[in-house]
Amino acid sequence: MSHDQDTEHEGTSEPKLTKKEYAKKLRREAYQRAKEYKKNDPREIARKEKAKEQRREAYQKAKERSKAARKDKDKDKKPRMDLTEQLVRAVELDERPLAPVISLDQARKKATVKKLTPSLDD
């Protein structure tokens, strides 16, 4: 048997393949069969489902931890002052205000009124 007879397929129009090409074709066909078997294998499908479920659980746990950490962080935060309070405080401390929402004259008046108004604790 010659090399030409080994690689030639009788009755087909496929070109002759070298030994190297024929081996490559066989490997590819074997790979495709294995891939198809793995795709339909019940054990492989179960393994993938289990891994997917574990990923989902891990994501939910991480999400809950993040939510709890954010809640703790928010609990420790001081309530924000509105801009008018910031301006009044800046005038009282004789500092430059952060954002001039009201005029400095209005802020000074409020600071003066605040100083002159007796507190209810006295």
N, C-alpha and C. Protein backbone atom coordinates (compact mmCIF):
# COMPACT_ATOMS: atom_id res chain seq x y z
N MET A 1 0.84 -1.18 0.00
CA MET A 1 0.00 0.00 0.00
C MET A 1 0.89 1.24 0.00
N SER A 2 0.65 2.14 -0.88
CA SER A 2 1.48 3.33 -0.96
C SER A 2 0.86 4.44 -0.10
N HIS A 3 1.62 5.46 0.05
CA HIS A 3 1.18 6.63 0.82
C HIS A 3 -0.06 7.25 0.17
N ASP A 4 -0.11 7.29 -1.15
CA ASP A 4 -1.24 7.88 -1.86
C ASP A 4 -2.53 7.11 -1.59
N GLN A 5 -2.44 5.82 -1.45
CA GLN A 5 -3.63 5.02 -1.22
C GLN A 5 -4.15 5.21 0.21
N ASP A 6 -3.24 5.44 1.17
CA ASP A 6 -3.65 5.64 2.57
C ASP A 6 -4.45 6.93 2.74
N THR A 7 -4.03 7.97 2.07
CA THR A 7 -4.65 9.26 2.30
C THR A 7 -5.75 9.57 1.31
N GLU A 8 -5.87 8.79 0.29
CA GLU A 8 -6.90 9.06 -0.72
C GLU A 8 -8.21 8.42 -0.30
N HIS A 9 -9.28 9.13 -0.42
CA HIS A 9 -10.59 8.61 -0.08
C HIS A 9 -11.29 8.24 -1.37
N GLU A 10 -11.60 6.98 -1.49
CA GLU A 10 -12.22 6.51 -2.72
C GLU A 10 -13.65 7.01 -2.82
N GLY A 11 -14.04 7.43 -4.00
CA GLY A 11 -15.40 7.86 -4.25
C GLY A 11 -15.75 9.22 -3.70
N THR A 12 -14.80 9.95 -3.15
CA THR A 12 -15.08 11.29 -2.66
C THR A 12 -14.28 12.30 -3.47
N SER A 13 -14.70 13.51 -3.40
CA SER A 13 -14.00 14.55 -4.15
C SER A 13 -13.02 15.31 -3.27
N GLU A 14 -12.75 14.79 -2.05
CA GLU A 14 -11.81 15.47 -1.16
C GLU A 14 -10.39 15.33 -1.71
N PRO A 15 -9.59 16.35 -1.55
CA PRO A 15 -8.21 16.26 -2.03
C PRO A 15 -7.39 15.31 -1.14
N LYS A 16 -6.27 14.87 -1.64
CA LYS A 16 -5.40 13.99 -0.86
C LYS A 16 -4.83 14.78 0.31
N LEU A 17 -4.73 14.13 1.44
CA LEU A 17 -4.18 14.78 2.63
C LEU A 17 -2.83 14.18 2.96
N THR A 18 -1.95 15.03 3.45
CA THR A 18 -0.66 14.51 3.92
C THR A 18 -0.90 13.83 5.25
N LYS A 19 0.08 13.09 5.73
CA LYS A 19 -0.06 12.42 7.03
C LYS A 19 -0.30 13.44 8.14
N LYS A 20 0.40 14.54 8.04
CA LYS A 20 0.27 15.60 9.05
C LYS A 20 -1.15 16.18 9.03
N GLU A 21 -1.66 16.47 7.85
CA GLU A 21 -3.01 17.03 7.73
C GLU A 21 -4.07 16.02 8.17
N TYR A 22 -3.84 14.74 7.81
CA TYR A 22 -4.79 13.69 8.19
C TYR A 22 -4.83 13.53 9.72
N ALA A 23 -3.66 13.58 10.36
CA ALA A 23 -3.59 13.48 11.83
C ALA A 23 -4.30 14.68 12.46
N LYS A 24 -4.10 15.85 11.88
CA LYS A 24 -4.76 17.06 12.39
C LYS A 24 -6.27 16.94 12.26
N LYS A 25 -6.73 16.39 11.14
CA LYS A 25 -8.17 16.20 10.93
C LYS A 25 -8.74 15.22 11.95
N LEU A 26 -8.02 14.13 12.22
CA LEU A 26 -8.48 13.15 13.21
C LEU A 26 -8.56 13.77 14.61
N ARG A 27 -7.54 14.55 14.96
CA ARG A 27 -7.54 15.21 16.28
C ARG A 27 -8.73 16.16 16.41
N ARG A 28 -8.99 16.91 15.35
CA ARG A 28 -10.11 17.85 15.37
C ARG A 28 -11.44 17.12 15.52
N GLU A 29 -11.61 16.04 14.77
CA GLU A 29 -12.84 15.26 14.87
C GLU A 29 -13.01 14.67 16.27
N ALA A 30 -11.91 14.17 16.84
CA ALA A 30 -11.98 13.63 18.21
C ALA A 30 -12.35 14.73 19.20
N TYR A 31 -11.77 15.91 19.00
CA TYR A 31 -12.08 17.05 19.87
C TYR A 31 -13.55 17.41 19.77
N GLN A 32 -14.08 17.45 18.56
CA GLN A 32 -15.49 17.79 18.36
C GLN A 32 -16.41 16.76 19.00
N ARG A 33 -16.06 15.46 18.88
CA ARG A 33 -16.87 14.42 19.52
C ARG A 33 -16.84 14.57 21.04
N ALA A 34 -15.66 14.82 21.59
CA ALA A 34 -15.52 14.99 23.04
C ALA A 34 -16.30 16.21 23.52
N LYS A 35 -16.24 17.27 22.73
CA LYS A 35 -16.95 18.50 23.08
C LYS A 35 -18.46 18.25 23.10
N GLU A 36 -18.96 17.55 22.12
CA GLU A 36 -20.39 17.24 22.04
C GLU A 36 -20.81 16.34 23.20
N TYR A 37 -19.96 15.35 23.53
CA TYR A 37 -20.28 14.45 24.64
C TYR A 37 -20.32 15.23 25.95
N LYS A 38 -19.34 16.09 26.15
CA LYS A 38 -19.27 16.88 27.39
C LYS A 38 -20.48 17.81 27.50
N LYS A 39 -20.91 18.35 26.38
CA LYS A 39 -22.04 19.27 26.36
C LYS A 39 -23.33 18.58 26.83
N ASN A 40 -23.48 17.31 26.51
CA ASN A 40 -24.70 16.57 26.84
C ASN A 40 -24.55 15.64 28.04
N ASP A 41 -23.38 15.62 28.66
CA ASP A 41 -23.13 14.74 29.79
C ASP A 41 -23.88 15.24 31.03
N PRO A 42 -24.75 14.40 31.64
CA PRO A 42 -25.53 14.85 32.81
C PRO A 42 -24.64 15.27 33.99
N ARG A 43 -23.52 14.59 34.18
CA ARG A 43 -22.63 14.96 35.30
C ARG A 43 -22.04 16.36 35.08
N GLU A 44 -21.66 16.64 33.84
CA GLU A 44 -21.10 17.95 33.52
C GLU A 44 -22.15 19.05 33.67
N ILE A 45 -23.35 18.76 33.24
CA ILE A 45 -24.45 19.73 33.37
C ILE A 45 -24.72 20.02 34.84
N ALA A 46 -24.74 18.96 35.67
CA ALA A 46 -24.98 19.13 37.11
C ALA A 46 -23.85 19.94 37.75
N ARG A 47 -22.59 19.67 37.34
CA ARG A 47 -21.45 20.40 37.88
C ARG A 47 -21.56 21.88 37.54
N LYS A 48 -21.95 22.19 36.30
CA LYS A 48 -22.09 23.59 35.89
C LYS A 48 -23.21 24.29 36.67
N GLU A 49 -24.33 23.59 36.86
CA GLU A 49 -25.44 24.17 37.63
C GLU A 49 -25.03 24.46 39.07
N LYS A 50 -24.28 23.51 39.66
CA LYS A 50 -23.82 23.68 41.03
C LYS A 50 -22.89 24.90 41.14
N ALA A 51 -21.98 25.03 40.18
CA ALA A 51 -21.04 26.17 40.18
C ALA A 51 -21.80 27.48 40.00
N LYS A 52 -22.81 27.46 39.15
CA LYS A 52 -23.61 28.67 38.91
C LYS A 52 -24.34 29.08 40.19
N GLU A 53 -24.91 28.10 40.89
CA GLU A 53 -25.62 28.37 42.14
C GLU A 53 -24.66 28.93 43.21
N GLN A 54 -23.46 28.36 43.28
CA GLN A 54 -22.47 28.84 44.25
C GLN A 54 -22.07 30.29 43.94
N ARG A 55 -21.92 30.61 42.65
CA ARG A 55 -21.58 31.99 42.28
C ARG A 55 -22.69 32.94 42.70
N ARG A 56 -23.93 32.53 42.47
CA ARG A 56 -25.06 33.38 42.85
C ARG A 56 -25.11 33.60 44.36
N GLU A 57 -24.90 32.53 45.13
CA GLU A 57 -24.91 32.65 46.59
C GLU A 57 -23.78 33.57 47.07
N ALA A 58 -22.59 33.39 46.49
CA ALA A 58 -21.46 34.24 46.88
C ALA A 58 -21.75 35.70 46.56
N TYR A 59 -22.37 35.95 45.42
CA TYR A 59 -22.71 37.32 45.03
C TYR A 59 -23.72 37.91 46.02
N GLN A 60 -24.73 37.14 46.39
CA GLN A 60 -25.74 37.64 47.33
C GLN A 60 -25.12 37.93 48.70
N LYS A 61 -24.22 37.05 49.16
CA LYS A 61 -23.56 37.30 50.45
C LYS A 61 -22.71 38.57 50.40
N ALA A 62 -21.98 38.74 49.31
CA ALA A 62 -21.15 39.94 49.16
C ALA A 62 -22.02 41.18 49.11
N LYS A 63 -23.15 41.08 48.43
CA LYS A 63 -24.07 42.20 48.33
C LYS A 63 -24.62 42.57 49.71
N GLU A 64 -24.97 41.55 50.50
CA GLU A 64 -25.49 41.81 51.86
C GLU A 64 -24.42 42.44 52.74
N ARG A 65 -23.16 41.93 52.65
CA ARG A 65 -22.07 42.52 53.44
C ARG A 65 -21.86 43.97 53.07
N SER A 66 -21.90 44.25 51.78
CA SER A 66 -21.71 45.62 51.31
C SER A 66 -22.83 46.52 51.82
N LYS A 67 -24.05 46.00 51.78
CA LYS A 67 -25.20 46.78 52.24
C LYS A 67 -25.09 47.07 53.74
N ALA A 68 -24.67 46.06 54.52
CA ALA A 68 -24.51 46.24 55.96
C ALA A 68 -23.40 47.24 56.25
N ALA A 69 -22.30 47.15 55.52
CA ALA A 69 -21.19 48.08 55.73
C ALA A 69 -21.62 49.49 55.39
N ARG A 70 -22.38 49.65 54.33
CA ARG A 70 -22.86 50.97 53.94
C ARG A 70 -23.80 51.53 55.00
N LYS A 71 -24.63 50.65 55.57
CA LYS A 71 -25.58 51.08 56.61
C LYS A 71 -24.82 51.55 57.85
N ASP A 72 -23.76 50.79 58.24
CA ASP A 72 -22.94 51.19 59.39
C ASP A 72 -22.24 52.52 59.13
N LYS A 73 -21.75 52.69 57.92
CA LYS A 73 -21.05 53.92 57.57
C LYS A 73 -22.02 55.10 57.62
N ASP A 74 -23.23 54.91 57.10
CA ASP A 74 -24.23 55.98 57.11
C ASP A 74 -24.67 56.31 58.53
N LYS A 75 -24.68 55.30 59.41
CA LYS A 75 -25.09 55.52 60.80
C LYS A 75 -24.08 56.42 61.52
N ASP A 76 -22.80 56.27 61.19
CA ASP A 76 -21.76 57.05 61.84
C ASP A 76 -21.67 58.48 61.29
N LYS A 77 -22.27 58.73 60.13
CA LYS A 77 -22.22 60.06 59.53
C LYS A 77 -23.04 61.06 60.32
N LYS A 78 -22.55 62.29 60.36
CA LYS A 78 -23.32 63.36 60.97
C LYS A 78 -24.33 63.85 59.95
N PRO A 79 -25.47 64.33 60.40
CA PRO A 79 -26.41 64.88 59.42
C PRO A 79 -25.82 66.12 58.75
N ARG A 80 -26.09 66.26 57.49
CA ARG A 80 -25.55 67.40 56.74
C ARG A 80 -26.29 68.68 57.09
N MET A 81 -25.52 69.77 57.16
CA MET A 81 -26.13 71.09 57.37
C MET A 81 -26.62 71.61 56.03
N ASP A 82 -27.73 72.31 56.06
CA ASP A 82 -28.15 72.92 54.81
C ASP A 82 -27.25 74.14 54.55
N LEU A 83 -27.32 74.68 53.37
CA LEU A 83 -26.39 75.73 52.98
C LEU A 83 -26.53 77.00 53.81
N THR A 84 -27.74 77.30 54.25
CA THR A 84 -27.95 78.50 55.08
C THR A 84 -27.21 78.33 56.41
N GLU A 85 -27.34 77.14 57.00
CA GLU A 85 -26.64 76.88 58.27
C GLU A 85 -25.14 76.95 58.08
N GLN A 86 -24.65 76.47 56.95
CA GLN A 86 -23.21 76.54 56.67
C GLN A 86 -22.74 77.99 56.60
N LEU A 87 -23.54 78.83 55.94
CA LEU A 87 -23.17 80.24 55.83
C LEU A 87 -23.20 80.93 57.18
N VAL A 88 -24.23 80.67 57.96
CA VAL A 88 -24.34 81.29 59.28
C VAL A 88 -23.16 80.87 60.14
N ARG A 89 -22.84 79.61 60.11
CA ARG A 89 -21.70 79.09 60.88
C ARG A 89 -20.40 79.72 60.41
N ALA A 90 -20.24 79.88 59.09
CA ALA A 90 -19.03 80.49 58.55
C ALA A 90 -18.89 81.94 59.01
N VAL A 91 -20.00 82.66 59.04
CA VAL A 91 -19.97 84.05 59.49
C VAL A 91 -19.64 84.11 60.98
N GLU A 92 -20.25 83.21 61.75
CA GLU A 92 -19.97 83.20 63.19
C GLU A 92 -18.50 82.92 63.47
N LEU A 93 -17.92 82.03 62.70
CA LEU A 93 -16.51 81.68 62.90
C LEU A 93 -15.57 82.60 62.13
N ASP A 94 -16.17 83.59 61.46
CA ASP A 94 -15.42 84.55 60.67
C ASP A 94 -14.56 83.83 59.61
N GLU A 95 -15.21 82.88 58.93
CA GLU A 95 -14.54 82.13 57.86
C GLU A 95 -15.18 82.47 56.53
N ARG A 96 -14.54 82.03 55.49
CA ARG A 96 -15.11 82.21 54.15
C ARG A 96 -16.18 81.14 53.95
N PRO A 97 -17.38 81.50 53.53
CA PRO A 97 -18.44 80.50 53.35
C PRO A 97 -18.13 79.54 52.21
N LEU A 98 -18.66 78.32 52.33
CA LEU A 98 -18.42 77.31 51.30
C LEU A 98 -19.15 77.62 50.00
N ALA A 99 -20.40 78.02 50.11
CA ALA A 99 -21.19 78.30 48.90
C ALA A 99 -22.07 79.52 49.17
N PRO A 100 -21.91 80.60 48.43
CA PRO A 100 -22.70 81.80 48.68
C PRO A 100 -24.12 81.69 48.11
N VAL A 101 -24.98 80.97 48.82
CA VAL A 101 -26.36 80.83 48.39
C VAL A 101 -27.14 82.07 48.78
N ILE A 102 -26.90 82.56 49.99
CA ILE A 102 -27.51 83.82 50.41
C ILE A 102 -26.37 84.83 50.55
N SER A 103 -26.72 86.06 50.56
CA SER A 103 -25.67 87.08 50.66
C SER A 103 -25.04 87.04 52.04
N LEU A 104 -23.85 87.56 52.13
CA LEU A 104 -23.16 87.59 53.42
C LEU A 104 -23.90 88.48 54.41
N ASP A 105 -24.52 89.54 53.92
CA ASP A 105 -25.29 90.42 54.81
C ASP A 105 -26.44 89.64 55.47
N GLN A 106 -27.13 88.84 54.66
CA GLN A 106 -28.23 88.04 55.22
C GLN A 106 -27.70 87.03 56.23
N ALA A 107 -26.55 86.43 55.93
CA ALA A 107 -25.96 85.47 56.85
C ALA A 107 -25.55 86.15 58.16
N ARG A 108 -25.00 87.38 58.05
CA ARG A 108 -24.61 88.11 59.27
C ARG A 108 -25.83 88.45 60.11
N LYS A 109 -26.92 88.85 59.44
CA LYS A 109 -28.14 89.16 60.18
C LYS A 109 -28.65 87.93 60.93
N LYS A 110 -28.63 86.79 60.23
CA LYS A 110 -29.10 85.56 60.88
C LYS A 110 -28.21 85.20 62.06
N ALA A 111 -26.90 85.39 61.88
CA ALA A 111 -25.97 85.09 62.97
C ALA A 111 -26.22 86.01 64.15
N THR A 112 -26.48 87.29 63.87
CA THR A 112 -26.76 88.25 64.93
C THR A 112 -28.06 87.89 65.65
N VAL A 113 -29.09 87.54 64.87
CA VAL A 113 -30.38 87.17 65.45
C VAL A 113 -30.20 85.91 66.30
N LYS A 114 -29.40 85.01 65.82
CA LYS A 114 -29.17 83.76 66.55
C LYS A 114 -28.47 84.05 67.89
N LYS A 115 -27.52 84.99 67.87
CA LYS A 115 -26.81 85.34 69.10
C LYS A 115 -27.72 86.06 70.08
N LEU A 116 -28.60 86.92 69.56
CA LEU A 116 -29.47 87.71 70.41
C LEU A 116 -30.66 86.92 70.93
N THR A 117 -31.05 85.88 70.23
CA THR A 117 -32.21 85.10 70.64
C THR A 117 -31.82 84.21 71.83
N PRO A 118 -32.53 84.31 72.93
CA PRO A 118 -32.18 83.46 74.09
C PRO A 118 -32.55 82.02 73.80
N SER A 119 -31.74 81.14 74.27
CA SER A 119 -32.03 79.73 74.06
C SER A 119 -33.07 79.27 75.08
N LEU A 120 -33.77 78.23 74.77
CA LEU A 120 -34.83 77.71 75.65
C LEU A 120 -34.26 76.94 76.84
N ASP A 121 -32.97 76.61 76.76
CA ASP A 121 -32.36 75.83 77.86
C ASP A 121 -32.10 76.69 79.08
N ASP A 122 -32.00 78.01 78.92
CA ASP A 122 -31.67 78.89 80.06
C ASP A 122 -32.75 78.97 81.07
